[in-house]
Amino acid sequence: MQQNDVHPPLLGDRQGRYRVQVVGNSGSGKSTTGLALAKLLGVPCISLDRLFWKPNWEQSTREEFQAKIRAALDEAEGGWVVDGLYTKKGGLIVAEQATDIIWLDPPLLLYLPRIIVRTFLRLFRREPPCSPGCEESVKEIFFSKESIIWWCLSQHWVVRRRSWARMQEIGLGIGSDVERRKMRRIGGWGSQLKQWFSQVAALVEQR
């Protein structure tokens, strides 16, 4: 896992608590990874999608969203895993409180097919929506600039550039801000993520 192999898989707060933010492009595996990590750590998984979106794709205001985030984090005193970023509306509330930031950066060819399959499963109600009451529709998928598939394609390199910039600042082993280094990149076709989960499992067993 590049330069950060010398670091433990999770830093934590040195008191046995882990507050982890999982970031990456839409479809990169944040939700699946977040849920699995939260289960492994025994902490709640907080989905920013569920906090932000109201039924029928109504957006929360900035004030509403940030209040929901603070309330969710405050309730999880023993630690948490947050799935998502939402910097424009949510600010840096999660990032500043996180002990670890995990950036999922798989190849587009790996996760684009997954998000297409997931979107169609949601369209036919075979998989839960990203937030209660926010059902996928043919119009949203094919005829909207807000299509999650189009978003995935258009944002892949945008997210990569933005995340690499953050890595240069707070990336483990490479960041210029030594005191705040806590961001780890996990790329590749899946083996790096499996290896990292194995390391986290070993860490949990030692507690």
Protein backbone atom coordinates (compact mmCIF):
# COMPACT_ATOMS: atom_id res chain seq x y z
CA MET A 1 0.00 0.00 0.00
CA GLN A 2 2.72 2.37 -1.08
CA GLN A 3 4.64 4.58 1.33
CA ASN A 4 2.29 4.02 4.29
CA ASP A 5 3.06 0.32 4.79
CA VAL A 6 5.16 1.28 7.84
CA HIS A 7 2.05 2.59 9.58
CA PRO A 8 -0.62 0.48 11.29
CA PRO A 9 -3.73 -0.14 9.17
CA LEU A 10 -5.63 2.31 11.39
CA LEU A 11 -4.16 4.99 13.61
CA GLY A 12 -7.04 5.51 16.03
CA ASP A 13 -6.86 7.97 18.91
CA ARG A 14 -4.33 5.92 20.93
CA GLN A 15 -7.11 5.11 23.41
CA GLY A 16 -8.65 2.28 21.42
CA ARG A 17 -11.20 4.38 19.55
CA TYR A 18 -11.38 4.67 15.78
CA ARG A 19 -13.15 7.41 13.87
CA VAL A 20 -12.77 6.58 10.20
CA GLN A 21 -13.91 8.47 7.13
CA VAL A 22 -14.10 6.44 3.90
CA VAL A 23 -13.89 8.61 0.78
CA GLY A 24 -13.72 8.08 -2.97
CA ASN A 25 -15.74 8.52 -6.15
CA SER A 26 -19.32 7.32 -6.46
CA GLY A 27 -19.27 3.56 -6.91
CA SER A 28 -15.73 3.10 -5.64
CA GLY A 29 -16.92 0.87 -2.80
CA LYS A 30 -17.35 3.32 0.07
CA SER A 31 -20.64 1.91 1.35
CA THR A 32 -19.58 -1.73 1.22
CA THR A 33 -16.20 -0.98 2.77
CA GLY A 34 -17.72 1.29 5.40
CA LEU A 35 -20.27 -1.28 6.53
CA ALA A 36 -17.71 -4.08 6.67
CA LEU A 37 -15.20 -1.93 8.56
CA ALA A 38 -17.80 -0.72 11.04
CA LYS A 39 -18.85 -4.31 11.74
CA LEU A 40 -15.22 -5.32 12.25
CA LEU A 41 -14.58 -2.44 14.65
CA GLY A 42 -17.92 -2.77 16.43
CA VAL A 43 -18.94 0.83 15.75
CA PRO A 44 -21.85 2.42 13.84
CA CYS A 45 -21.57 3.17 10.13
CA ILE A 46 -22.87 6.61 9.24
CA SER A 47 -23.90 7.21 5.62
CA LEU A 48 -23.69 10.84 4.55
CA ASP A 49 -26.02 10.02 1.64
CA ARG A 50 -28.73 9.07 4.12
CA LEU A 51 -28.18 12.22 6.15
CA PHE A 52 -28.17 14.52 3.12
CA TRP A 53 -30.99 13.21 0.94
CA LYS A 54 -34.61 13.52 1.98
CA PRO A 55 -37.39 11.53 0.23
CA ASN A 56 -37.89 12.28 -3.47
CA TRP A 57 -34.28 13.48 -3.78
CA GLU A 58 -34.85 16.64 -1.79
CA GLN A 59 -31.55 18.02 -0.54
CA SER A 60 -30.93 19.05 3.04
CA THR A 61 -29.82 22.62 3.52
CA ARG A 62 -26.23 23.22 4.59
CA GLU A 63 -27.40 24.04 8.11
CA GLU A 64 -29.65 20.96 8.34
CA PHE A 65 -26.97 18.67 6.97
CA GLN A 66 -24.23 19.87 9.28
CA ALA A 67 -26.56 19.61 12.27
CA LYS A 68 -27.39 16.00 11.30
CA ILE A 69 -23.69 15.17 10.94
CA ARG A 70 -22.79 16.63 14.35
CA ALA A 71 -25.69 14.79 16.01
CA ALA A 72 -24.72 11.46 14.43
CA LEU A 73 -21.07 11.82 15.45
CA ASP A 74 -21.97 12.91 18.97
CA GLU A 75 -24.14 9.82 19.43
CA ALA A 76 -21.25 7.54 18.47
CA GLU A 77 -18.92 8.32 21.36
CA GLY A 78 -17.11 4.99 21.10
CA GLY A 79 -16.06 5.56 17.50
CA TRP A 80 -17.60 5.51 14.05
CA VAL A 81 -17.11 4.90 10.36
CA VAL A 82 -18.45 7.60 8.02
CA ASP A 83 -19.13 6.77 4.39
CA GLY A 84 -18.76 9.82 2.13
CA LEU A 85 -17.26 13.28 1.82
CA TYR A 86 -19.78 16.07 0.93
CA THR A 87 -17.25 18.84 1.63
CA LYS A 88 -19.29 21.60 -0.05
CA LYS A 89 -22.37 21.08 2.12
CA GLY A 90 -20.94 19.25 5.10
CA GLY A 91 -17.70 21.15 5.49
CA LEU A 92 -14.80 19.49 7.30
CA ILE A 93 -16.74 18.32 10.35
CA VAL A 94 -16.03 14.65 9.70
CA ALA A 95 -12.48 15.08 8.41
CA GLU A 96 -11.40 17.14 11.41
CA GLN A 97 -12.74 14.62 13.91
CA ALA A 98 -11.56 11.53 12.01
CA THR A 99 -8.55 9.62 13.29
CA ASP A 100 -8.19 8.01 9.85
CA ILE A 101 -9.21 8.88 6.30
CA ILE A 102 -9.32 5.97 3.86
CA TRP A 103 -9.32 6.93 0.18
CA LEU A 104 -10.62 4.17 -2.08
CA ASP A 105 -9.10 4.64 -5.52
CA PRO A 106 -9.75 1.55 -7.67
CA PRO A 107 -9.45 1.69 -11.49
CA LEU A 108 -12.53 3.07 -13.23
CA LEU A 109 -12.79 -0.15 -15.25
CA LEU A 110 -13.28 -2.07 -12.00
CA TYR A 111 -16.01 -0.04 -10.38
CA LEU A 112 -17.95 1.45 -13.32
CA PRO A 113 -19.60 -1.91 -14.12
CA ARG A 114 -20.46 -2.31 -10.44
CA ILE A 115 -22.25 1.02 -10.25
CA ILE A 116 -24.15 0.28 -13.46
CA VAL A 117 -25.35 -3.04 -12.06
CA ARG A 118 -26.21 -1.46 -8.70
CA THR A 119 -28.15 1.35 -10.37
CA PHE A 120 -30.27 -1.07 -12.40
CA LEU A 121 -30.90 -3.22 -9.33
CA ARG A 122 -32.16 -0.11 -7.57
CA LEU A 123 -34.26 0.83 -10.58
CA PHE A 124 -36.04 -2.54 -10.38
CA ARG A 125 -36.25 -2.31 -6.57
CA ARG A 126 -33.91 -5.27 -6.06
CA GLU A 127 -31.57 -3.22 -3.89
CA PRO A 128 -32.31 -0.46 -1.34
CA PRO A 129 -31.92 3.16 -2.51
CA CYS A 130 -29.01 5.28 -1.33
CA SER A 131 -31.43 7.02 1.04
CA PRO A 132 -35.01 6.14 2.05
CA GLY A 133 -37.54 7.49 -0.44
CA CYS A 134 -34.94 8.23 -3.14
CA GLU A 135 -35.83 5.69 -5.77
CA GLU A 136 -34.01 5.48 -9.10
CA SER A 137 -36.02 6.20 -12.26
CA VAL A 138 -35.41 5.83 -15.99
CA LYS A 139 -35.43 9.61 -16.30
CA GLU A 140 -32.82 10.03 -13.56
CA ILE A 141 -30.56 7.33 -14.98
CA PHE A 142 -30.63 8.20 -18.69
CA PHE A 143 -31.90 11.75 -19.11
CA SER A 144 -30.50 13.71 -16.20
CA LYS A 145 -27.20 15.47 -15.61
CA GLU A 146 -27.51 14.13 -12.07
CA SER A 147 -27.37 10.51 -13.26
CA ILE A 148 -25.17 8.55 -10.88
CA ILE A 149 -23.55 6.74 -13.82
CA TRP A 150 -22.69 10.00 -15.56
CA TRP A 151 -21.50 11.42 -12.25
CA CYS A 152 -19.21 8.44 -11.74
CA LEU A 153 -17.65 8.91 -15.19
CA SER A 154 -17.30 12.68 -15.04
CA GLN A 155 -15.95 12.81 -11.50
CA HIS A 156 -13.37 10.00 -11.63
CA TRP A 157 -10.40 12.22 -12.49
CA VAL A 158 -11.78 15.19 -10.53
CA VAL A 159 -11.89 13.10 -7.36
CA ARG A 160 -8.45 11.68 -8.08
CA ARG A 161 -6.85 15.11 -8.48
CA ARG A 162 -8.54 16.44 -5.37
CA SER A 163 -7.64 13.39 -3.30
CA TRP A 164 -4.02 13.37 -4.44
CA ALA A 165 -3.81 17.02 -3.37
CA ARG A 166 -5.06 16.03 0.08
CA MET A 167 -2.56 13.18 0.18
CA GLN A 168 0.25 15.65 -0.44
CA GLU A 169 -0.91 17.48 2.67
CA ILE A 170 -2.04 14.76 5.10
CA GLY A 171 -1.07 11.48 3.41
CA LEU A 172 0.63 8.92 5.63
CA GLY A 173 4.34 9.01 5.03
CA ILE A 174 4.19 11.68 2.34
CA GLY A 175 2.10 14.58 3.66
CA SER A 176 3.67 17.94 4.32
CA ASP A 177 1.53 18.52 7.42
CA VAL A 178 3.31 16.03 9.69
CA GLU A 179 1.05 16.57 12.71
CA ARG A 180 -2.15 15.84 10.77
CA ARG A 181 -1.08 12.90 8.61
CA LYS A 182 -3.93 10.39 8.64
CA MET A 183 -4.96 9.70 5.04
CA ARG A 184 -4.31 6.35 3.36
CA ARG A 185 -4.85 5.48 -0.31
CA ILE A 186 -6.07 2.00 -1.26
CA GLY A 187 -6.01 1.38 -5.01
CA GLY A 188 -5.56 -1.60 -7.28
CA TRP A 189 -8.00 -4.27 -8.36
CA GLY A 190 -8.97 -5.54 -4.92
CA SER A 191 -5.93 -7.25 -3.43
CA GLN A 192 -4.77 -4.13 -1.59
CA LEU A 193 -8.19 -3.72 0.02
CA LYS A 194 -8.28 -7.38 1.08
CA GLN A 195 -4.78 -7.11 2.51
CA TRP A 196 -5.72 -3.97 4.43
CA PHE A 197 -8.85 -5.62 5.89
CA SER A 198 -6.73 -8.55 7.02
CA GLN A 199 -4.39 -6.13 8.78
CA VAL A 200 -7.32 -4.36 10.45
CA ALA A 201 -8.73 -7.72 11.62
CA ALA A 202 -5.36 -8.58 13.16
CA LEU A 203 -5.29 -5.18 14.85
CA VAL A 204 -8.74 -5.73 16.34
CA GLU A 205 -7.76 -9.17 17.66
CA GLN A 206 -4.85 -7.61 19.54
CA ARG A 207 -7.04 -5.15 21.43
